[in-house]
Amino acid sequence: MPQLDTSSWFITILSMILTLYIIMQLKISKHVYYKNPEHINTKKMEHPTPWQTKWTKIYSPLLLPQQ
């Protein structure tokens, strides 16, 4: 049974790692980094509703006095 020739494995693995590193560097360098978004001052919109001006009470049926 012939022996597996592993003499070229080191250069193959090394070149593969180098190639992957270069490819990743190229992909990262082409990535577009956007500037920080500027803060937009948004004001809360006020909608007139009838329940804003008065208190409402919600009674739970269990809290009502027993009859």
C-alpha atoms as a PDB file:
ATOM      1  CA  MET A   1       0.000   0.000   0.000  1.00  0.00           C
ATOM      2  CA  PRO A   2       1.571   3.316  -1.028  1.00  0.00           C
ATOM      3  CA  GLN A   3       2.311   6.006   1.515  1.00  0.00           C
ATOM      4  CA  LEU A   4       0.448   9.291   1.375  1.00  0.00           C
ATOM      5  CA  ASP A   5       2.764  12.086   0.292  1.00  0.00           C
ATOM      6  CA  THR A   6       2.317  14.899   2.820  1.00  0.00           C
ATOM      7  CA  SER A   7       5.303  16.975   1.804  1.00  0.00           C
ATOM      8  CA  SER A   8       3.187  19.552  -0.037  1.00  0.00           C
ATOM      9  CA  TRP A   9       0.545  19.913   2.671  1.00  0.00           C
ATOM     10  CA  PHE A  10       2.342  22.661   4.555  1.00  0.00           C
ATOM     11  CA  ILE A  11       2.624  24.969   1.544  1.00  0.00           C
ATOM     12  CA  THR A  12      -0.948  24.131   0.489  1.00  0.00           C
ATOM     13  CA  ILE A  13      -2.413  24.983   3.896  1.00  0.00           C
ATOM     14  CA  LEU A  14      -0.243  28.073   4.217  1.00  0.00           C
ATOM     15  CA  SER A  15      -1.279  29.372   0.792  1.00  0.00           C
ATOM     16  CA  MET A  16      -4.938  28.651   1.552  1.00  0.00           C
ATOM     17  CA  ILE A  17      -4.778  30.654   4.807  1.00  0.00           C
ATOM     18  CA  LEU A  18      -2.991  33.506   3.053  1.00  0.00           C
ATOM     19  CA  THR A  19      -5.567  33.515   0.245  1.00  0.00           C
ATOM     20  CA  LEU A  20      -8.476  33.548   2.706  1.00  0.00           C
ATOM     21  CA  TYR A  21      -6.870  36.391   4.619  1.00  0.00           C
ATOM     22  CA  ILE A  22      -6.415  38.446   1.442  1.00  0.00           C
ATOM     23  CA  ILE A  23      -9.983  37.765   0.318  1.00  0.00           C
ATOM     24  CA  MET A  24     -11.365  38.825   3.702  1.00  0.00           C
ATOM     25  CA  GLN A  25      -9.255  41.978   3.684  1.00  0.00           C
ATOM     26  CA  LEU A  26     -10.564  42.876   0.233  1.00  0.00           C
ATOM     27  CA  LYS A  27     -14.157  42.273   1.282  1.00  0.00           C
ATOM     28  CA  ILE A  28     -13.750  44.385   4.412  1.00  0.00           C
ATOM     29  CA  SER A  29     -12.029  47.202   2.537  1.00  0.00           C
ATOM     30  CA  LYS A  30     -14.913  47.421   0.048  1.00  0.00           C
ATOM     31  CA  HIS A  31     -17.501  47.632   2.810  1.00  0.00           C
ATOM     32  CA  VAL A  32     -19.158  51.034   3.012  1.00  0.00           C
ATOM     33  CA  TYR A  33     -19.223  52.468   6.509  1.00  0.00           C
ATOM     34  CA  TYR A  34     -21.926  55.061   6.884  1.00  0.00           C
ATOM     35  CA  LYS A  35     -21.422  58.161   8.948  1.00  0.00           C
ATOM     36  CA  ASN A  36     -23.121  58.420  12.288  1.00  0.00           C
ATOM     37  CA  PRO A  37     -26.728  59.451  11.769  1.00  0.00           C
ATOM     38  CA  GLU A  38     -27.474  62.906  13.012  1.00  0.00           C
ATOM     39  CA  HIS A  39     -29.908  63.248  15.841  1.00  0.00           C
ATOM     40  CA  ILE A  40     -33.286  64.430  14.617  1.00  0.00           C
ATOM     41  CA  ASN A  41     -35.284  66.259  17.221  1.00  0.00           C
ATOM     42  CA  THR A  42     -38.744  64.790  17.022  1.00  0.00           C
ATOM     43  CA  LYS A  43     -41.533  66.297  19.046  1.00  0.00           C
ATOM     44  CA  LYS A  44     -44.300  64.232  20.457  1.00  0.00           C
ATOM     45  CA  MET A  45     -47.510  64.874  18.592  1.00  0.00           C
ATOM     46  CA  GLU A  46     -50.414  65.888  20.788  1.00  0.00           C
ATOM     47  CA  HIS A  47     -53.769  64.503  19.814  1.00  0.00           C
ATOM     48  CA  PRO A  48     -56.794  65.929  21.568  1.00  0.00           C
ATOM     49  CA  THR A  49     -58.761  63.095  23.092  1.00  0.00           C
ATOM     50  CA  PRO A  50     -61.653  63.389  25.525  1.00  0.00           C
ATOM     51  CA  TRP A  51     -59.988  61.186  28.153  1.00  0.00           C
ATOM     52  CA  GLN A  52     -56.857  63.282  28.435  1.00  0.00           C
ATOM     53  CA  THR A  53     -58.549  66.077  30.362  1.00  0.00           C
ATOM     54  CA  LYS A  54     -60.308  63.953  32.994  1.00  0.00           C
ATOM     55  CA  TRP A  55     -59.531  60.986  35.136  1.00  0.00           C
ATOM     56  CA  THR A  56     -61.241  57.731  34.381  1.00  0.00           C
ATOM     57  CA  LYS A  57     -61.767  54.998  36.911  1.00  0.00           C
ATOM     58  CA  ILE A  58     -61.890  51.371  36.006  1.00  0.00           C
ATOM     59  CA  TYR A  59     -63.417  49.161  38.638  1.00  0.00           C
ATOM     60  CA  SER A  60     -62.640  45.509  38.816  1.00  0.00           C
ATOM     61  CA  PRO A  61     -65.788  43.413  39.478  1.00  0.00           C
ATOM     62  CA  LEU A  62     -63.979  41.672  42.336  1.00  0.00           C
ATOM     63  CA  LEU A  63     -63.334  44.971  44.107  1.00  0.00           C
ATOM     64  CA  LEU A  64     -66.952  46.118  44.056  1.00  0.00           C
ATOM     65  CA  PRO A  65     -68.874  45.796  47.333  1.00  0.00           C
ATOM     66  CA  GLN A  66     -70.825  42.608  47.742  1.00  0.00           C
ATOM     67  CA  GLN A  67     -74.574  42.974  47.384  1.00  0.00           C
END
